Amino acid sequence: MLSHRIINDGRVICNSLPKYGNGSEAGNEKGYLVGMTTCYPQPGSIKISNGEVLTLEVDYSNTKLHSGVMGLFYLLVADDLPHHNN
């Protein structure tokens, strides 16, 4: 099992799980990792203060031989959320 997590102050704020292929066409090769789930918290629901530490974790199973593995994160943050007039 493979997973990626972003942890803030001991709580998981994002969890990404693997998607494995089940076909024979390119990008859907059976048994191969072909993608990861995404994590989109509700805008404004997570506040990260200046100096606060985020922990990024990647887990790999050692039950299968892995070649050329790495953990890769894309994390987008904003200084301030735009204000909307409704």
N, C-alpha and C. Protein backbone atom coordinates (compact mmCIF):
# COMPACT_ATOMS: atom_id res chain seq x y z
N MET A 1 0.85 -1.18 0.00
CA MET A 1 0.00 0.00 0.00
C MET A 1 0.88 1.23 0.00
N LEU A 2 0.50 2.19 -0.74
CA LEU A 2 1.20 3.46 -0.85
C LEU A 2 0.23 4.52 -0.39
N SER A 3 0.73 5.51 0.32
CA SER A 3 -0.12 6.64 0.68
C SER A 3 0.75 7.87 0.91
N HIS A 4 0.14 9.03 0.74
CA HIS A 4 0.76 10.32 1.03
C HIS A 4 -0.13 11.02 2.04
N ARG A 5 0.47 11.68 3.00
CA ARG A 5 -0.29 12.42 4.00
C ARG A 5 0.37 13.76 4.27
N ILE A 6 -0.44 14.78 4.53
CA ILE A 6 0.04 16.06 5.03
C ILE A 6 -0.54 16.20 6.43
N ILE A 7 0.35 16.42 7.40
CA ILE A 7 -0.05 16.46 8.80
C ILE A 7 0.26 17.83 9.37
N ASN A 8 -0.71 18.39 10.07
CA ASN A 8 -0.59 19.70 10.69
C ASN A 8 -0.95 19.57 12.15
N ASP A 9 0.01 19.82 13.03
CA ASP A 9 -0.23 19.77 14.47
C ASP A 9 -0.83 18.43 14.91
N GLY A 10 -0.34 17.34 14.33
CA GLY A 10 -0.79 16.01 14.72
C GLY A 10 -2.05 15.51 14.04
N ARG A 11 -2.70 16.34 13.24
CA ARG A 11 -3.92 15.89 12.56
C ARG A 11 -3.66 15.82 11.05
N VAL A 12 -4.19 14.79 10.43
CA VAL A 12 -4.05 14.62 8.99
C VAL A 12 -4.98 15.60 8.30
N ILE A 13 -4.43 16.48 7.47
CA ILE A 13 -5.26 17.45 6.77
C ILE A 13 -5.44 17.08 5.30
N CYS A 14 -4.69 16.09 4.85
CA CYS A 14 -4.82 15.61 3.47
C CYS A 14 -4.30 14.19 3.41
N ASN A 15 -5.03 13.32 2.73
CA ASN A 15 -4.63 11.93 2.57
C ASN A 15 -4.84 11.56 1.11
N SER A 16 -3.82 11.04 0.48
CA SER A 16 -3.88 10.67 -0.93
C SER A 16 -3.58 9.18 -1.07
N LEU A 17 -4.44 8.47 -1.80
CA LEU A 17 -4.31 7.02 -1.94
C LEU A 17 -4.05 6.64 -3.39
N PRO A 18 -3.45 5.47 -3.61
CA PRO A 18 -3.08 5.07 -4.97
C PRO A 18 -4.27 4.62 -5.81
N LYS A 19 -4.10 4.79 -7.13
CA LYS A 19 -5.03 4.25 -8.13
C LYS A 19 -4.21 3.31 -9.01
N TYR A 20 -4.63 2.05 -9.08
CA TYR A 20 -3.92 1.05 -9.87
C TYR A 20 -4.70 0.76 -11.14
N GLY A 21 -3.95 0.55 -12.24
CA GLY A 21 -4.58 0.25 -13.51
C GLY A 21 -5.21 -1.13 -13.52
N ASN A 22 -6.20 -1.30 -14.43
CA ASN A 22 -6.87 -2.59 -14.55
C ASN A 22 -7.06 -3.00 -16.01
N GLY A 23 -6.34 -2.35 -16.91
CA GLY A 23 -6.50 -2.65 -18.34
C GLY A 23 -5.15 -2.90 -18.99
N SER A 24 -5.14 -2.77 -20.30
CA SER A 24 -3.88 -2.99 -21.03
C SER A 24 -3.46 -1.76 -21.83
N GLU A 25 -4.32 -0.74 -21.90
CA GLU A 25 -3.98 0.46 -22.66
C GLU A 25 -3.03 1.36 -21.86
N ALA A 26 -2.31 2.21 -22.59
CA ALA A 26 -1.36 3.13 -21.96
C ALA A 26 -2.06 4.00 -20.92
N GLY A 27 -1.46 4.10 -19.74
CA GLY A 27 -2.04 4.89 -18.66
C GLY A 27 -3.01 4.13 -17.79
N ASN A 28 -3.29 2.88 -18.14
CA ASN A 28 -4.19 2.04 -17.35
C ASN A 28 -3.65 0.60 -17.29
N GLU A 29 -2.33 0.48 -17.18
CA GLU A 29 -1.69 -0.83 -17.19
C GLU A 29 -2.04 -1.61 -15.92
N LYS A 30 -2.58 -2.80 -16.09
CA LYS A 30 -3.04 -3.62 -14.98
C LYS A 30 -1.93 -3.85 -13.96
N GLY A 31 -2.27 -3.56 -12.70
CA GLY A 31 -1.36 -3.80 -11.59
C GLY A 31 -0.34 -2.69 -11.35
N TYR A 32 -0.25 -1.71 -12.23
CA TYR A 32 0.71 -0.62 -12.07
C TYR A 32 0.03 0.60 -11.46
N LEU A 33 0.79 1.35 -10.70
CA LEU A 33 0.30 2.61 -10.14
C LEU A 33 0.11 3.59 -11.29
N VAL A 34 -1.11 4.09 -11.47
CA VAL A 34 -1.39 5.00 -12.59
C VAL A 34 -1.85 6.38 -12.12
N GLY A 35 -2.00 6.57 -10.82
CA GLY A 35 -2.42 7.87 -10.31
C GLY A 35 -2.60 7.85 -8.81
N MET A 36 -2.90 9.01 -8.27
CA MET A 36 -3.17 9.15 -6.84
C MET A 36 -4.44 9.99 -6.68
N THR A 37 -5.20 9.72 -5.62
CA THR A 37 -6.37 10.54 -5.34
C THR A 37 -5.90 11.94 -4.96
N THR A 38 -6.79 12.91 -5.12
CA THR A 38 -6.45 14.29 -4.79
C THR A 38 -7.10 14.70 -3.48
N CYS A 39 -6.65 15.80 -2.95
CA CYS A 39 -7.16 16.32 -1.69
C CYS A 39 -7.42 17.80 -1.87
N TYR A 40 -8.68 18.21 -1.76
CA TYR A 40 -9.06 19.62 -1.89
C TYR A 40 -9.89 20.02 -0.69
N PRO A 41 -9.24 20.43 0.41
CA PRO A 41 -10.04 20.90 1.56
C PRO A 41 -10.89 22.10 1.18
N GLN A 42 -11.98 22.29 1.89
CA GLN A 42 -12.85 23.44 1.68
C GLN A 42 -12.03 24.71 1.86
N PRO A 43 -12.07 25.66 0.91
CA PRO A 43 -11.29 26.89 1.07
C PRO A 43 -11.59 27.58 2.40
N GLY A 44 -10.53 27.96 3.09
CA GLY A 44 -10.66 28.62 4.38
C GLY A 44 -10.80 27.69 5.56
N SER A 45 -10.90 26.37 5.32
CA SER A 45 -11.11 25.43 6.42
C SER A 45 -9.82 25.07 7.15
N ILE A 46 -8.69 25.34 6.55
CA ILE A 46 -7.41 25.01 7.17
C ILE A 46 -6.58 26.29 7.25
N LYS A 47 -6.18 26.64 8.44
CA LYS A 47 -5.35 27.82 8.65
C LYS A 47 -3.96 27.35 9.08
N ILE A 48 -2.95 27.85 8.38
CA ILE A 48 -1.56 27.53 8.71
C ILE A 48 -0.87 28.84 9.05
N SER A 49 -0.39 28.95 10.27
CA SER A 49 0.22 30.19 10.74
C SER A 49 1.70 30.24 10.36
N ASN A 50 2.22 31.45 10.31
CA ASN A 50 3.63 31.65 10.04
C ASN A 50 4.46 30.90 11.07
N GLY A 51 5.41 30.10 10.62
CA GLY A 51 6.27 29.34 11.51
C GLY A 51 5.73 27.98 11.90
N GLU A 52 4.49 27.69 11.55
CA GLU A 52 3.89 26.39 11.86
C GLU A 52 4.53 25.31 10.99
N VAL A 53 4.70 24.12 11.53
CA VAL A 53 5.37 23.04 10.82
C VAL A 53 4.35 22.08 10.22
N LEU A 54 4.53 21.78 8.94
CA LEU A 54 3.74 20.74 8.26
C LEU A 54 4.65 19.53 8.10
N THR A 55 4.09 18.36 8.29
CA THR A 55 4.83 17.12 8.08
C THR A 55 4.26 16.42 6.86
N LEU A 56 5.13 16.06 5.91
CA LEU A 56 4.73 15.35 4.71
C LEU A 56 5.24 13.93 4.83
N GLU A 57 4.35 12.96 4.74
CA GLU A 57 4.72 11.54 4.88
C GLU A 57 4.36 10.78 3.62
N VAL A 58 5.23 9.86 3.23
CA VAL A 58 4.97 8.94 2.13
C VAL A 58 5.27 7.55 2.64
N ASP A 59 4.34 6.63 2.47
CA ASP A 59 4.53 5.23 2.90
C ASP A 59 4.54 4.33 1.68
N TYR A 60 5.46 3.38 1.68
CA TYR A 60 5.52 2.36 0.64
C TYR A 60 5.49 0.99 1.30
N SER A 61 4.81 0.06 0.71
CA SER A 61 4.80 -1.32 1.19
C SER A 61 6.11 -1.98 0.78
N ASN A 62 6.65 -2.80 1.67
CA ASN A 62 7.87 -3.54 1.32
C ASN A 62 7.55 -4.99 0.95
N THR A 63 6.28 -5.28 0.65
CA THR A 63 5.91 -6.63 0.26
C THR A 63 6.17 -6.90 -1.22
N LYS A 64 6.43 -5.83 -1.99
CA LYS A 64 6.75 -5.96 -3.41
C LYS A 64 8.04 -5.21 -3.70
N LEU A 65 8.78 -5.67 -4.70
CA LEU A 65 9.98 -4.97 -5.13
C LEU A 65 9.58 -3.66 -5.81
N HIS A 66 10.20 -2.56 -5.42
CA HIS A 66 9.95 -1.25 -6.02
C HIS A 66 11.22 -0.77 -6.69
N SER A 67 11.08 -0.10 -7.79
CA SER A 67 12.22 0.45 -8.51
C SER A 67 11.92 1.91 -8.85
N GLY A 68 12.82 2.80 -8.49
CA GLY A 68 12.66 4.21 -8.84
C GLY A 68 11.48 4.89 -8.20
N VAL A 69 11.19 4.63 -6.93
CA VAL A 69 10.04 5.25 -6.27
C VAL A 69 10.43 6.57 -5.63
N MET A 70 9.46 7.45 -5.50
CA MET A 70 9.66 8.71 -4.80
C MET A 70 8.31 9.27 -4.37
N GLY A 71 8.34 10.10 -3.36
CA GLY A 71 7.13 10.80 -2.95
C GLY A 71 7.16 12.19 -3.55
N LEU A 72 6.04 12.64 -4.07
CA LEU A 72 5.96 13.94 -4.72
C LEU A 72 4.69 14.65 -4.26
N PHE A 73 4.84 15.85 -3.75
CA PHE A 73 3.70 16.64 -3.28
C PHE A 73 3.62 17.95 -4.04
N TYR A 74 2.42 18.40 -4.28
CA TYR A 74 2.15 19.75 -4.75
C TYR A 74 1.24 20.38 -3.71
N LEU A 75 1.68 21.43 -3.10
CA LEU A 75 0.91 22.09 -2.05
C LEU A 75 0.74 23.56 -2.43
N LEU A 76 -0.49 23.98 -2.57
CA LEU A 76 -0.78 25.36 -2.93
C LEU A 76 -1.35 26.09 -1.72
N VAL A 77 -0.81 27.26 -1.43
CA VAL A 77 -1.28 28.05 -0.30
C VAL A 77 -1.54 29.48 -0.76
N ALA A 78 -2.36 30.20 0.00
CA ALA A 78 -2.66 31.60 -0.29
C ALA A 78 -2.46 32.41 0.98
N ASP A 79 -1.93 33.62 0.83
CA ASP A 79 -1.76 34.49 1.99
C ASP A 79 -3.10 34.85 2.60
N ASP A 80 -4.02 35.29 1.77
CA ASP A 80 -5.36 35.68 2.21
C ASP A 80 -6.37 35.16 1.22
N LEU A 81 -7.53 34.78 1.71
CA LEU A 81 -8.62 34.39 0.83
C LEU A 81 -9.32 35.64 0.31
N PRO A 82 -9.72 35.62 -0.97
CA PRO A 82 -10.44 36.79 -1.49
C PRO A 82 -11.80 36.90 -0.80
N HIS A 83 -12.24 38.13 -0.64
CA HIS A 83 -13.55 38.39 -0.01
C HIS A 83 -14.59 38.51 -1.11
N HIS A 84 -15.72 37.82 -0.91
CA HIS A 84 -16.81 37.86 -1.89
C HIS A 84 -18.00 38.58 -1.28
N ASN A 85 -18.61 39.44 -2.05
CA ASN A 85 -19.84 40.11 -1.61
C ASN A 85 -21.03 39.36 -2.21
N ASN A 86 -21.82 38.77 -1.36
CA ASN A 86 -23.01 38.02 -1.84
C ASN A 86 -24.26 38.78 -1.55
